[in-house]
Amino acid sequence: MHDNPDHHSTGRTRAATNRLVQGIRKRRRAAIGLLLRGACYGLGTGAVSVATYWLQSRM
């Protein structure tokens, strides 16, 4: 066995790696959701702006 107290067992290292990967996946999903939300807000704002400009030019 190892006499080094700082040595991690394979199971603990694997569990830490799995937690890290799951955290990255959660953040990636959140980032994609925020990107989609921002794109939708931008498209909506653009559509309202174009409609307002069109209405003002017709009057």
Protein backbone atom coordinates (compact mmCIF):
# COMPACT_ATOMS: atom_id res chain seq x y z
CA MET A 1 0.00 0.00 0.00
CA HIS A 2 0.97 3.64 -0.15
CA ASP A 3 2.39 5.37 2.86
CA ASN A 4 1.65 8.84 1.46
CA PRO A 5 -1.42 10.34 3.27
CA ASP A 6 -1.98 12.78 0.37
CA HIS A 7 -2.57 9.94 -2.07
CA HIS A 8 -6.20 9.66 -3.23
CA SER A 9 -7.81 6.37 -3.95
CA THR A 10 -9.05 5.70 -7.46
CA GLY A 11 -12.70 5.73 -6.34
CA ARG A 12 -12.42 9.17 -4.75
CA THR A 13 -10.64 10.58 -7.80
CA ARG A 14 -13.22 9.09 -10.15
CA ALA A 15 -16.08 10.51 -8.06
CA ALA A 16 -14.48 13.96 -8.06
CA THR A 17 -14.02 13.79 -11.83
CA ASN A 18 -17.67 12.78 -12.31
CA ARG A 19 -18.84 15.71 -10.16
CA LEU A 20 -16.68 18.08 -12.19
CA VAL A 21 -18.07 16.78 -15.50
CA GLN A 22 -21.65 17.02 -14.24
CA GLY A 23 -21.06 20.61 -13.10
CA ILE A 24 -19.73 21.55 -16.53
CA ARG A 25 -22.75 19.95 -18.21
CA LYS A 26 -25.15 21.90 -15.98
CA ARG A 27 -23.38 25.17 -16.72
CA ARG A 28 -23.35 24.44 -20.45
CA ARG A 29 -27.11 23.80 -20.42
CA ALA A 30 -27.67 27.04 -18.51
CA ALA A 31 -25.46 28.98 -20.94
CA ILE A 32 -27.31 27.56 -23.95
CA GLY A 33 -30.64 28.42 -22.33
CA LEU A 34 -29.54 31.99 -21.66
CA LEU A 35 -28.23 32.33 -25.22
CA LEU A 36 -31.54 31.12 -26.63
CA ARG A 37 -33.47 33.46 -24.33
CA GLY A 38 -31.34 36.43 -25.41
CA ALA A 39 -31.80 35.57 -29.09
CA CYS A 40 -35.57 35.42 -28.64
CA TYR A 41 -35.62 38.77 -26.84
CA GLY A 42 -33.49 40.27 -29.62
CA LEU A 43 -35.75 38.91 -32.37
CA GLY A 44 -38.84 40.19 -30.58
CA THR A 45 -37.35 43.63 -30.06
CA GLY A 46 -36.29 43.77 -33.69
CA ALA A 47 -39.74 42.74 -34.91
CA VAL A 48 -41.46 45.38 -32.78
CA SER A 49 -38.99 48.03 -33.96
CA VAL A 50 -39.56 47.17 -37.63
CA ALA A 51 -43.34 47.14 -37.13
CA THR A 52 -43.20 50.53 -35.36
CA TYR A 53 -41.05 52.04 -38.11
CA TRP A 54 -43.38 50.63 -40.79
CA LEU A 55 -46.46 52.03 -39.04
CA GLN A 56 -44.87 55.47 -38.60
CA SER A 57 -43.84 55.61 -42.25
CA ARG A 58 -47.40 54.76 -43.39
CA MET A 59 -49.02 57.54 -41.36
